[in-house]
C-alpha atoms as a PDB file:
ATOM      1  CA  UNK A   1       0.000   0.000   0.000  1.00  0.00           C
ATOM      2  CA  UNK A   2       1.216   3.445  -0.854  1.00  0.00           C
ATOM      3  CA  UNK A   3      -0.001   6.717   0.600  1.00  0.00           C
ATOM      4  CA  UNK A   4      -0.337   9.453  -2.023  1.00  0.00           C
ATOM      5  CA  UNK A   5      -0.323  13.098  -0.856  1.00  0.00           C
ATOM      6  CA  UNK A   6      -3.389  13.925  -2.948  1.00  0.00           C
ATOM      7  CA  UNK A   7      -5.418  11.228  -1.174  1.00  0.00           C
ATOM      8  CA  UNK A   8      -4.605  12.493   2.337  1.00  0.00           C
ATOM      9  CA  UNK A   9      -7.541  14.952   2.700  1.00  0.00           C
ATOM     10  CA  UNK A  10      -9.978  12.424   1.224  1.00  0.00           C
ATOM     11  CA  UNK A  11      -8.862   9.712   3.649  1.00  0.00           C
ATOM     12  CA  UNK A  12      -9.048  12.102   6.608  1.00  0.00           C
ATOM     13  CA  UNK A  13     -12.571  13.217   5.681  1.00  0.00           C
ATOM     14  CA  UNK A  14     -13.815   9.658   5.227  1.00  0.00           C
ATOM     15  CA  UNK A  15     -12.265   8.457   8.507  1.00  0.00           C
ATOM     16  CA  UNK A  16     -13.965  11.242  10.480  1.00  0.00           C
ATOM     17  CA  UNK A  17     -17.261  10.637   8.654  1.00  0.00           C
ATOM     18  CA  UNK A  18     -17.142   6.860   9.193  1.00  0.00           C
ATOM     19  CA  UNK A  19     -16.290   7.070  12.886  1.00  0.00           C
ATOM     20  CA  UNK A  20     -18.934   9.754  13.446  1.00  0.00           C
ATOM     21  CA  UNK A  21     -21.641   7.844  11.542  1.00  0.00           C
ATOM     22  CA  UNK A  22     -20.892   4.665  13.506  1.00  0.00           C
ATOM     23  CA  UNK A  23     -21.048   6.611  16.795  1.00  0.00           C
ATOM     24  CA  UNK A  24     -17.446   5.756  17.639  1.00  0.00           C
ATOM     25  CA  UNK A  25     -16.657   9.435  18.125  1.00  0.00           C
ATOM     26  CA  UNK A  26     -18.606  12.644  18.508  1.00  0.00           C
ATOM     27  CA  UNK A  27     -17.440  15.661  16.556  1.00  0.00           C
ATOM     28  CA  UNK A  28     -19.348  18.915  16.389  1.00  0.00           C
ATOM     29  CA  UNK A  29     -20.132  19.711  12.745  1.00  0.00           C
ATOM     30  CA  UNK A  30     -18.323  23.033  13.053  1.00  0.00           C
ATOM     31  CA  UNK A  31     -15.142  21.221  14.184  1.00  0.00           C
ATOM     32  CA  UNK A  32     -15.230  18.361  11.679  1.00  0.00           C
ATOM     33  CA  UNK A  33     -12.952  20.131   9.202  1.00  0.00           C
ATOM     34  CA  UNK A  34     -10.438  20.852  11.979  1.00  0.00           C
ATOM     35  CA  UNK A  35     -10.460  17.185  13.005  1.00  0.00           C
ATOM     36  CA  UNK A  36      -9.910  16.240   9.356  1.00  0.00           C
ATOM     37  CA  UNK A  37      -6.967  18.645   9.122  1.00  0.00           C
ATOM     38  CA  UNK A  38      -5.448  17.077  12.226  1.00  0.00           C
ATOM     39  CA  UNK A  39      -5.661  13.582  10.706  1.00  0.00           C
ATOM     40  CA  UNK A  40      -4.235  14.988   7.473  1.00  0.00           C
ATOM     41  CA  UNK A  41      -1.318  16.431   9.436  1.00  0.00           C
ATOM     42  CA  UNK A  42      -0.522  12.977  10.828  1.00  0.00           C
ATOM     43  CA  UNK A  43      -0.423  11.483   7.334  1.00  0.00           C
ATOM     44  CA  UNK A  44       1.566  14.419   5.915  1.00  0.00           C
ATOM     45  CA  UNK A  45       4.140  14.057   8.699  1.00  0.00           C
ATOM     46  CA  UNK A  46       4.484  10.376   7.809  1.00  0.00           C
ATOM     47  CA  UNK A  47       5.002  11.324   4.147  1.00  0.00           C
ATOM     48  CA  UNK A  48       7.598  13.950   5.124  1.00  0.00           C
ATOM     49  CA  UNK A  49       9.501  11.360   7.169  1.00  0.00           C
ATOM     50  CA  UNK A  50       9.305   8.921   4.267  1.00  0.00           C
ATOM     51  CA  UNK A  51      10.758  11.573   1.959  1.00  0.00           C
ATOM     52  CA  UNK A  52      13.636  12.096   4.408  1.00  0.00           C
ATOM     53  CA  UNK A  53      14.302   8.340   4.310  1.00  0.00           C
ATOM     54  CA  UNK A  54      14.164   8.444   0.491  1.00  0.00           C
ATOM     55  CA  UNK A  55      16.644  11.323   0.421  1.00  0.00           C
ATOM     56  CA  UNK A  56      19.005   9.491   2.780  1.00  0.00           C
ATOM     57  CA  UNK A  57      18.655   6.418   0.560  1.00  0.00           C
ATOM     58  CA  UNK A  58      19.573   8.369  -2.569  1.00  0.00           C
ATOM     59  CA  UNK A  59      22.610   9.820  -0.786  1.00  0.00           C
ATOM     60  CA  UNK A  60      23.687   6.380   0.451  1.00  0.00           C
ATOM     61  CA  UNK A  61      23.353   4.919  -3.050  1.00  0.00           C
ATOM     62  CA  UNK A  62      25.515   7.706  -4.434  1.00  0.00           C
ATOM     63  CA  UNK A  63      28.082   7.385  -1.648  1.00  0.00           C
ATOM     64  CA  UNK A  64      28.336   3.603  -2.028  1.00  0.00           C
ATOM     65  CA  UNK A  65      28.348   3.727  -5.813  1.00  0.00           C
ATOM     66  CA  UNK A  66      25.259   1.521  -6.162  1.00  0.00           C
ATOM     67  CA  UNK A  67      22.793   1.839  -8.992  1.00  0.00           C
ATOM     68  CA  UNK A  68      19.099   2.513  -8.430  1.00  0.00           C
ATOM     69  CA  UNK A  69      18.271  -1.210  -8.607  1.00  0.00           C
ATOM     70  CA  UNK A  70      19.286  -1.483  -4.938  1.00  0.00           C
ATOM     71  CA  UNK A  71      17.048   1.427  -3.888  1.00  0.00           C
ATOM     72  CA  UNK A  72      14.475  -0.683  -1.998  1.00  0.00           C
ATOM     73  CA  UNK A  73      17.119  -2.695  -0.167  1.00  0.00           C
ATOM     74  CA  UNK A  74      19.027   0.406   0.941  1.00  0.00           C
ATOM     75  CA  UNK A  75      15.744   2.169   1.783  1.00  0.00           C
ATOM     76  CA  UNK A  76      14.842  -0.664   4.174  1.00  0.00           C
ATOM     77  CA  UNK A  77      18.263  -0.269   5.816  1.00  0.00           C
ATOM     78  CA  UNK A  78      17.821   3.505   6.134  1.00  0.00           C
ATOM     79  CA  UNK A  79      14.320   3.081   7.556  1.00  0.00           C
ATOM     80  CA  UNK A  80      15.537   0.526  10.111  1.00  0.00           C
ATOM     81  CA  UNK A  81      18.331   2.833  11.242  1.00  0.00           C
ATOM     82  CA  UNK A  82      15.822   5.656  11.738  1.00  0.00           C
ATOM     83  CA  UNK A  83      13.142   3.448  13.297  1.00  0.00           C
ATOM     84  CA  UNK A  84      10.790   4.360  10.457  1.00  0.00           C
ATOM     85  CA  UNK A  85       8.053   1.919   9.477  1.00  0.00           C
ATOM     86  CA  UNK A  86       7.486   1.152   5.785  1.00  0.00           C
ATOM     87  CA  UNK A  87       4.600  -0.432   3.889  1.00  0.00           C
ATOM     88  CA  UNK A  88       1.869  -2.106   5.921  1.00  0.00           C
ATOM     89  CA  UNK A  89       3.789  -1.470   9.152  1.00  0.00           C
ATOM     90  CA  UNK A  90       3.840   2.222   8.235  1.00  0.00           C
ATOM     91  CA  UNK A  91       0.079   2.220   7.732  1.00  0.00           C
ATOM     92  CA  UNK A  92      -0.353   0.586  11.154  1.00  0.00           C
ATOM     93  CA  UNK A  93       1.867   3.293  12.627  1.00  0.00           C
ATOM     94  CA  UNK A  94      -0.293   6.014  11.020  1.00  0.00           C
ATOM     95  CA  UNK A  95      -3.473   4.373  12.325  1.00  0.00           C
ATOM     96  CA  UNK A  96      -1.993   4.217  15.830  1.00  0.00           C
ATOM     97  CA  UNK A  97      -1.157   7.914  15.605  1.00  0.00           C
ATOM     98  CA  UNK A  98      -4.722   8.675  14.499  1.00  0.00           C
ATOM     99  CA  UNK A  99      -6.191   6.688  17.383  1.00  0.00           C
ATOM    100  CA  UNK A 100      -3.967   8.505  19.886  1.00  0.00           C
ATOM    101  CA  UNK A 101      -4.948  11.839  18.351  1.00  0.00           C
ATOM    102  CA  UNK A 102      -8.657  11.108  18.675  1.00  0.00           C
ATOM    103  CA  UNK A 103      -8.249  10.695  22.442  1.00  0.00           C
ATOM    104  CA  UNK A 104      -6.472  14.013  23.017  1.00  0.00           C
ATOM    105  CA  UNK A 105      -7.911  16.247  20.328  1.00  0.00           C
ATOM    106  CA  UNK A 106      -9.845  19.363  21.206  1.00  0.00           C
ATOM    107  CA  UNK A 107     -11.755  18.880  17.958  1.00  0.00           C
ATOM    108  CA  UNK A 108     -13.241  15.543  19.073  1.00  0.00           C
ATOM    109  CA  UNK A 109     -15.898  15.948  21.746  1.00  0.00           C
ATOM    110  CA  UNK A 110     -16.086  12.336  22.866  1.00  0.00           C
ATOM    111  CA  UNK A 111     -14.644   8.923  21.996  1.00  0.00           C
ATOM    112  CA  UNK A 112     -17.119   6.110  22.637  1.00  0.00           C
ATOM    113  CA  UNK A 113     -15.286   3.103  21.164  1.00  0.00           C
ATOM    114  CA  UNK A 114     -11.976   1.485  21.991  1.00  0.00           C
ATOM    115  CA  UNK A 115      -9.020   1.127  19.641  1.00  0.00           C
ATOM    116  CA  UNK A 116     -10.004  -2.405  18.618  1.00  0.00           C
ATOM    117  CA  UNK A 117     -13.407  -1.147  17.499  1.00  0.00           C
ATOM    118  CA  UNK A 118     -12.096   1.796  15.489  1.00  0.00           C
ATOM    119  CA  UNK A 119      -8.889   0.309  14.032  1.00  0.00           C
ATOM    120  CA  UNK A 120     -10.599  -1.928  11.427  1.00  0.00           C
ATOM    121  CA  UNK A 121     -12.832   0.934  10.302  1.00  0.00           C
ATOM    122  CA  UNK A 122      -9.884   3.265   9.786  1.00  0.00           C
ATOM    123  CA  UNK A 123      -7.942   0.496   8.039  1.00  0.00           C
ATOM    124  CA  UNK A 124     -10.890  -0.196   5.708  1.00  0.00           C
ATOM    125  CA  UNK A 125     -11.042   3.467   4.671  1.00  0.00           C
ATOM    126  CA  UNK A 126      -7.294   3.584   4.127  1.00  0.00           C
ATOM    127  CA  UNK A 127      -7.200   0.303   2.165  1.00  0.00           C
ATOM    128  CA  UNK A 128      -9.953   1.551  -0.118  1.00  0.00           C
ATOM    129  CA  UNK A 129      -7.686   4.398  -1.195  1.00  0.00           C
ATOM    130  CA  UNK A 130      -4.253   2.809  -0.828  1.00  0.00           C
ATOM    131  CA  UNK A 131      -4.837  -0.410  -2.744  1.00  0.00           C
ATOM    132  CA  UNK A 132      -4.951   1.533  -6.013  1.00  0.00           C
ATOM    133  CA  UNK A 133      -1.364   0.435  -6.695  1.00  0.00           C
ATOM    134  CA  UNK A 134      -2.534  -3.098  -7.609  1.00  0.00           C
ATOM    135  CA  UNK A 135      -5.217  -1.689  -9.898  1.00  0.00           C
ATOM    136  CA  UNK A 136      -2.656   0.564 -11.576  1.00  0.00           C
ATOM    137  CA  UNK A 137      -0.293  -2.389 -12.054  1.00  0.00           C
ATOM    138  CA  UNK A 138      -3.037  -4.537 -13.640  1.00  0.00           C
ATOM    139  CA  UNK A 139      -4.101  -1.716 -15.942  1.00  0.00           C
ATOM    140  CA  UNK A 140      -0.499  -1.015 -17.015  1.00  0.00           C
ATOM    141  CA  UNK A 141       0.207  -4.695 -17.718  1.00  0.00           C
ATOM    142  CA  UNK A 142      -3.041  -4.883 -19.686  1.00  0.00           C
ATOM    143  CA  UNK A 143      -1.908  -2.002 -21.874  1.00  0.00           C
ATOM    144  CA  UNK A 144       1.488  -3.633 -22.471  1.00  0.00           C
ATOM    145  CA  UNK A 145       0.396  -7.106 -23.567  1.00  0.00           C
ATOM    146  CA  UNK A 146       2.239  -6.567 -26.841  1.00  0.00           C
ATOM    147  CA  UNK A 147       5.590  -6.509 -24.979  1.00  0.00           C
ATOM    148  CA  UNK A 148       7.270  -9.420 -23.222  1.00  0.00           C
ATOM    149  CA  UNK A 149       7.690  -8.975 -19.483  1.00  0.00           C
ATOM    150  CA  UNK A 150      11.239  -8.874 -18.194  1.00  0.00           C
ATOM    151  CA  UNK A 151      12.691  -7.159 -21.241  1.00  0.00           C
ATOM    152  CA  UNK A 152      14.243  -3.720 -21.109  1.00  0.00           C
ATOM    153  CA  UNK A 153      11.609  -2.329 -23.460  1.00  0.00           C
ATOM    154  CA  UNK A 154       8.846  -3.626 -21.182  1.00  0.00           C
ATOM    155  CA  UNK A 155      10.391  -2.050 -18.082  1.00  0.00           C
ATOM    156  CA  UNK A 156      10.776   1.343 -19.770  1.00  0.00           C
ATOM    157  CA  UNK A 157       7.257   1.336 -21.188  1.00  0.00           C
ATOM    158  CA  UNK A 158       5.811  -0.045 -17.949  1.00  0.00           C
ATOM    159  CA  UNK A 159       7.173   2.890 -15.949  1.00  0.00           C
ATOM    160  CA  UNK A 160       5.851   5.371 -18.527  1.00  0.00           C
ATOM    161  CA  UNK A 161       2.383   3.811 -18.462  1.00  0.00           C
ATOM    162  CA  UNK A 162       2.363   3.701 -14.638  1.00  0.00           C
ATOM    163  CA  UNK A 163       3.163   7.422 -14.537  1.00  0.00           C
ATOM    164  CA  UNK A 164       0.453   8.169 -17.112  1.00  0.00           C
ATOM    165  CA  UNK A 165      -2.173   6.254 -15.140  1.00  0.00           C
ATOM    166  CA  UNK A 166      -1.189   7.927 -11.866  1.00  0.00           C
ATOM    167  CA  UNK A 167      -1.384  11.342 -13.538  1.00  0.00           C
ATOM    168  CA  UNK A 168      -4.765  10.533 -15.076  1.00  0.00           C
ATOM    169  CA  UNK A 169      -6.097   9.511 -11.648  1.00  0.00           C
ATOM    170  CA  UNK A 170      -4.718  12.652 -10.040  1.00  0.00           C
ATOM    171  CA  UNK A 171      -2.299  10.820  -7.789  1.00  0.00           C
ATOM    172  CA  UNK A 172       0.795  12.765  -8.874  1.00  0.00           C
END
């Protein structure tokens, strides 16, 4: 799962709406947008930390003389050194931050449910928006049936098509 910056406000809005509709939390309508901005801030901070890890990874690759093929391996090393969670663990970290925020926020009047009741609801909202990567991959591979996978031409065209699809969906 990948968190896209353009999806952050949508996810925040839907999380607040879902938890409010299910009576897990109480938010005054006038404060709902502030609560959404607070959840957005949590996700944006995660993205900023991920970008710092990416930058450190690029610098390490350059320093070590590695090519970009080792990016993911070195990124995992950089994340471990910094105690930063990636992938599904990162999403769990973000959800934990959201749950903690809900308990201390001035924008949330009352929290009626426990973490175990709210966690799956938040995860469902996030998965709905973050699982687009698999859809994008399937669509790109469908467009490139005329090329053989694993070839250099396929890899180049695949990346171009992925970028086009992301742009068309407003993700980048």
